[in-house]
Every structure is written in structure tokens, then in C-alpha cells.
Amino acid sequence: MSKIMHQTNSLILVIFVLQIFLSSLGAYLGSKWIVNNMKNPYLNYIPHNKWDSEWLYIFIRLTGTWVLIFTNFVPISLLVTLELVKFW
């Protein structure tokens, strides 16, 4: 493997760890806010089952949402470009 590929792989790992950290932080703050404000009538939050009001369920759901939002952090086009250059 080339030096550029090693550097790219290590930077993508750093970006992935940053993405997981930011997703967890956003999910923690969001789930804490939802649980604290669940009873406010103006939010019209209606839990459909008993899990919809559990903190852990809300945290896991919001973590998945934040991961999807932050998927643009990983430069997939950079990897494709490196592979095409290596191919040519």
C-alpha cells in the first residue's frame, strides 16, 4: 500500500471516531431534552407504546439519526478517486 493510502485510512478512522462521538453527544442531549419536555402539551408528543417514552430507546433512535446526518463526513469520493488513480 502507498503512503497516501495509509494516511487516508488513518484519517478516515479519525473521522469515523469523531462521527461516533458527535452522534452520541447529539443523541444524549436530544434524548435528555425529549425526556424532560415530554409532558409539555404544546409539543404534542404521543408515545405509541411503552418504549417510546424510555430514555435508552430514544437515545438509540437519535444516535442512528445523527449517524445518518453525519455520513457526509466520510469522503467516499476521495477513496474512489484514489482507487481510479491507482488503477490507471
N, C-alpha and C. Protein backbone atom coordinates (compact mmCIF):
# COMPACT_ATOMS: atom_id res chain seq x y z
N MET A 1 0.84 -1.19 0.00
CA MET A 1 0.00 0.00 0.00
C MET A 1 0.89 1.25 0.00
N SER A 2 0.40 2.27 -0.64
CA SER A 2 1.17 3.50 -0.72
C SER A 2 1.04 4.30 0.57
N LYS A 3 1.92 5.28 0.68
CA LYS A 3 1.91 6.15 1.85
C LYS A 3 0.61 6.97 1.92
N ILE A 4 0.10 7.36 0.75
CA ILE A 4 -1.16 8.12 0.71
C ILE A 4 -2.32 7.26 1.19
N MET A 5 -2.35 6.00 0.81
CA MET A 5 -3.43 5.10 1.25
C MET A 5 -3.39 4.91 2.76
N HIS A 6 -2.20 4.75 3.34
CA HIS A 6 -2.09 4.61 4.79
C HIS A 6 -2.58 5.87 5.50
N GLN A 7 -2.18 7.02 4.97
CA GLN A 7 -2.61 8.27 5.58
C GLN A 7 -4.11 8.47 5.43
N THR A 8 -4.66 8.12 4.27
CA THR A 8 -6.10 8.24 4.05
C THR A 8 -6.87 7.33 5.00
N ASN A 9 -6.40 6.10 5.17
CA ASN A 9 -7.08 5.17 6.07
C ASN A 9 -7.05 5.65 7.51
N SER A 10 -5.92 6.19 7.94
CA SER A 10 -5.85 6.68 9.32
C SER A 10 -6.74 7.91 9.52
N LEU A 11 -6.80 8.79 8.53
CA LEU A 11 -7.67 9.96 8.65
C LEU A 11 -9.14 9.58 8.61
N ILE A 12 -9.49 8.58 7.83
CA ILE A 12 -10.89 8.13 7.81
C ILE A 12 -11.27 7.51 9.16
N LEU A 13 -10.33 6.82 9.78
CA LEU A 13 -10.59 6.28 11.12
C LEU A 13 -10.83 7.40 12.12
N VAL A 14 -10.03 8.46 12.04
CA VAL A 14 -10.22 9.61 12.93
C VAL A 14 -11.57 10.26 12.68
N ILE A 15 -11.94 10.41 11.41
CA ILE A 15 -13.24 11.00 11.07
C ILE A 15 -14.38 10.12 11.58
N PHE A 16 -14.23 8.80 11.47
CA PHE A 16 -15.27 7.88 11.95
C PHE A 16 -15.44 7.98 13.46
N VAL A 17 -14.33 8.04 14.19
CA VAL A 17 -14.42 8.18 15.65
C VAL A 17 -15.07 9.51 16.03
N LEU A 18 -14.70 10.58 15.31
CA LEU A 18 -15.32 11.88 15.54
C LEU A 18 -16.82 11.83 15.25
N GLN A 19 -17.20 11.13 14.19
CA GLN A 19 -18.61 10.99 13.84
C GLN A 19 -19.38 10.26 14.94
N ILE A 20 -18.83 9.18 15.44
CA ILE A 20 -19.50 8.43 16.52
C ILE A 20 -19.61 9.29 17.78
N PHE A 21 -18.54 10.04 18.10
CA PHE A 21 -18.58 10.90 19.28
C PHE A 21 -19.65 11.98 19.15
N LEU A 22 -19.67 12.67 18.01
CA LEU A 22 -20.66 13.73 17.81
C LEU A 22 -22.08 13.18 17.75
N SER A 23 -22.25 12.00 17.18
CA SER A 23 -23.58 11.37 17.13
C SER A 23 -24.05 11.02 18.53
N SER A 24 -23.16 10.48 19.34
CA SER A 24 -23.53 10.13 20.72
C SER A 24 -23.84 11.37 21.53
N LEU A 25 -23.05 12.43 21.34
CA LEU A 25 -23.30 13.67 22.07
C LEU A 25 -24.64 14.28 21.67
N GLY A 26 -24.92 14.34 20.38
CA GLY A 26 -26.20 14.88 19.92
C GLY A 26 -27.37 14.04 20.39
N ALA A 27 -27.20 12.71 20.38
CA ALA A 27 -28.28 11.83 20.84
C ALA A 27 -28.51 11.97 22.34
N TYR A 28 -27.42 12.12 23.10
CA TYR A 28 -27.55 12.30 24.54
C TYR A 28 -28.32 13.58 24.86
N LEU A 29 -27.88 14.68 24.25
CA LEU A 29 -28.54 15.96 24.52
C LEU A 29 -29.99 15.96 24.03
N GLY A 30 -30.22 15.37 22.87
CA GLY A 30 -31.57 15.32 22.33
C GLY A 30 -32.50 14.45 23.15
N SER A 31 -32.02 13.28 23.57
CA SER A 31 -32.87 12.40 24.36
C SER A 31 -33.13 12.98 25.74
N LYS A 32 -32.14 13.66 26.30
CA LYS A 32 -32.35 14.31 27.59
C LYS A 32 -33.42 15.40 27.47
N TRP A 33 -33.35 16.18 26.38
CA TRP A 33 -34.34 17.23 26.16
C TRP A 33 -35.73 16.64 25.96
N ILE A 34 -35.83 15.56 25.18
CA ILE A 34 -37.14 14.94 24.91
C ILE A 34 -37.75 14.40 26.19
N VAL A 35 -36.94 13.72 27.01
CA VAL A 35 -37.46 13.15 28.25
C VAL A 35 -37.90 14.26 29.21
N ASN A 36 -37.14 15.35 29.29
CA ASN A 36 -37.50 16.44 30.19
C ASN A 36 -38.73 17.22 29.73
N ASN A 37 -38.96 17.28 28.42
CA ASN A 37 -40.06 18.08 27.88
C ASN A 37 -41.20 17.23 27.30
N MET A 38 -41.23 15.97 27.64
CA MET A 38 -42.22 15.07 27.08
C MET A 38 -43.65 15.42 27.52
N LYS A 39 -43.78 15.97 28.69
CA LYS A 39 -45.11 16.25 29.25
C LYS A 39 -45.67 17.60 28.82
N ASN A 40 -44.87 18.41 28.14
CA ASN A 40 -45.37 19.72 27.70
C ASN A 40 -46.45 19.54 26.65
N PRO A 41 -47.60 20.15 26.85
CA PRO A 41 -48.72 19.92 25.92
C PRO A 41 -48.50 20.53 24.54
N TYR A 42 -47.70 21.58 24.44
CA TYR A 42 -47.53 22.22 23.14
C TYR A 42 -46.67 21.40 22.18
N LEU A 43 -45.92 20.41 22.69
CA LEU A 43 -45.11 19.56 21.82
C LEU A 43 -45.94 18.45 21.18
N ASN A 44 -47.07 18.11 21.79
CA ASN A 44 -47.97 17.08 21.27
C ASN A 44 -47.24 15.75 21.06
N TYR A 45 -46.42 15.36 22.03
CA TYR A 45 -45.67 14.11 21.96
C TYR A 45 -46.56 12.98 22.48
N ILE A 46 -46.94 12.08 21.59
CA ILE A 46 -47.81 10.97 21.96
C ILE A 46 -47.03 9.67 21.78
N PRO A 47 -46.63 9.04 22.89
CA PRO A 47 -45.94 7.75 22.74
C PRO A 47 -46.90 6.67 22.28
N HIS A 48 -46.50 5.91 21.27
CA HIS A 48 -47.36 4.87 20.72
C HIS A 48 -47.28 3.56 21.51
N ASN A 49 -46.17 3.35 22.18
CA ASN A 49 -46.05 2.18 23.05
C ASN A 49 -45.17 2.57 24.23
N LYS A 50 -44.93 1.61 25.13
CA LYS A 50 -44.19 1.95 26.34
C LYS A 50 -42.74 2.29 26.06
N TRP A 51 -42.17 1.81 24.94
CA TRP A 51 -40.77 2.08 24.63
C TRP A 51 -40.55 3.50 24.14
N ASP A 52 -41.55 4.15 23.60
CA ASP A 52 -41.38 5.49 23.07
C ASP A 52 -41.05 6.53 24.14
N SER A 53 -41.30 6.21 25.39
CA SER A 53 -41.00 7.16 26.45
C SER A 53 -39.76 6.76 27.25
N GLU A 54 -39.09 5.68 26.88
CA GLU A 54 -37.88 5.23 27.58
C GLU A 54 -36.67 5.99 27.06
N TRP A 55 -35.79 6.41 27.98
CA TRP A 55 -34.62 7.19 27.62
C TRP A 55 -33.67 6.42 26.71
N LEU A 56 -33.41 5.15 26.99
CA LEU A 56 -32.47 4.36 26.19
C LEU A 56 -32.97 4.17 24.76
N TYR A 57 -34.24 3.92 24.60
CA TYR A 57 -34.81 3.76 23.25
C TYR A 57 -34.69 5.06 22.45
N ILE A 58 -34.99 6.17 23.10
CA ILE A 58 -34.88 7.47 22.43
C ILE A 58 -33.42 7.75 22.08
N PHE A 59 -32.49 7.40 22.97
CA PHE A 59 -31.07 7.61 22.73
C PHE A 59 -30.59 6.80 21.53
N ILE A 60 -30.97 5.54 21.45
CA ILE A 60 -30.55 4.68 20.34
C ILE A 60 -31.14 5.19 19.02
N ARG A 61 -32.39 5.57 19.04
CA ARG A 61 -33.03 6.08 17.83
C ARG A 61 -32.38 7.38 17.36
N LEU A 62 -32.08 8.27 18.28
CA LEU A 62 -31.44 9.52 17.91
C LEU A 62 -29.99 9.32 17.48
N THR A 63 -29.30 8.34 18.05
CA THR A 63 -27.94 8.04 17.61
C THR A 63 -27.94 7.62 16.15
N GLY A 64 -28.87 6.77 15.78
CA GLY A 64 -28.98 6.37 14.37
C GLY A 64 -29.29 7.53 13.47
N THR A 65 -30.14 8.43 13.94
CA THR A 65 -30.48 9.62 13.16
C THR A 65 -29.26 10.51 12.96
N TRP A 66 -28.49 10.73 14.02
CA TRP A 66 -27.30 11.57 13.91
C TRP A 66 -26.22 10.91 13.05
N VAL A 67 -26.10 9.60 13.10
CA VAL A 67 -25.12 8.92 12.24
C VAL A 67 -25.49 9.14 10.78
N LEU A 68 -26.78 9.04 10.46
CA LEU A 68 -27.21 9.30 9.09
C LEU A 68 -26.96 10.75 8.68
N ILE A 69 -27.13 11.67 9.60
CA ILE A 69 -26.88 13.07 9.28
C ILE A 69 -25.40 13.31 9.02
N PHE A 70 -24.53 12.67 9.80
CA PHE A 70 -23.09 12.89 9.70
C PHE A 70 -22.39 11.97 8.71
N THR A 71 -23.11 11.22 7.90
CA THR A 71 -22.44 10.33 6.95
C THR A 71 -21.66 11.08 5.89
N ASN A 72 -21.94 12.35 5.70
CA ASN A 72 -21.18 13.13 4.73
C ASN A 72 -19.78 13.46 5.21
N PHE A 73 -19.45 13.15 6.44
CA PHE A 73 -18.09 13.37 6.94
C PHE A 73 -17.08 12.49 6.22
N VAL A 74 -17.45 11.26 5.92
CA VAL A 74 -16.52 10.31 5.32
C VAL A 74 -16.43 10.59 3.82
N PRO A 75 -15.25 10.94 3.34
CA PRO A 75 -15.11 11.31 1.92
C PRO A 75 -15.01 10.08 1.02
N ILE A 76 -16.15 9.53 0.66
CA ILE A 76 -16.19 8.36 -0.21
C ILE A 76 -15.60 8.70 -1.58
N SER A 77 -15.87 9.90 -2.07
CA SER A 77 -15.35 10.27 -3.39
C SER A 77 -13.82 10.31 -3.39
N LEU A 78 -13.21 10.64 -2.27
CA LEU A 78 -11.76 10.63 -2.18
C LEU A 78 -11.22 9.21 -2.35
N LEU A 79 -11.88 8.24 -1.72
CA LEU A 79 -11.44 6.85 -1.86
C LEU A 79 -11.59 6.36 -3.29
N VAL A 80 -12.68 6.72 -3.92
CA VAL A 80 -12.91 6.31 -5.30
C VAL A 80 -11.87 6.94 -6.22
N THR A 81 -11.56 8.21 -5.99
CA THR A 81 -10.55 8.88 -6.81
C THR A 81 -9.18 8.24 -6.63
N LEU A 82 -8.82 7.90 -5.41
CA LEU A 82 -7.53 7.24 -5.17
C LEU A 82 -7.46 5.88 -5.86
N GLU A 83 -8.55 5.14 -5.82
CA GLU A 83 -8.56 3.84 -6.48
C GLU A 83 -8.48 3.98 -8.00
N LEU A 84 -9.14 4.99 -8.58
CA LEU A 84 -9.07 5.20 -10.02
C LEU A 84 -7.67 5.63 -10.45
N VAL A 85 -7.02 6.48 -9.65
CA VAL A 85 -5.65 6.88 -9.96
C VAL A 85 -4.72 5.69 -9.89
N LYS A 86 -4.91 4.85 -8.88
CA LYS A 86 -4.08 3.66 -8.74
C LYS A 86 -4.32 2.69 -9.89
N PHE A 87 -5.57 2.59 -10.34
CA PHE A 87 -5.90 1.71 -11.45
C PHE A 87 -5.25 2.16 -12.74
N TRP A 88 -5.31 3.48 -13.01
CA TRP A 88 -4.71 4.00 -14.23
C TRP A 88 -3.21 3.97 -14.13
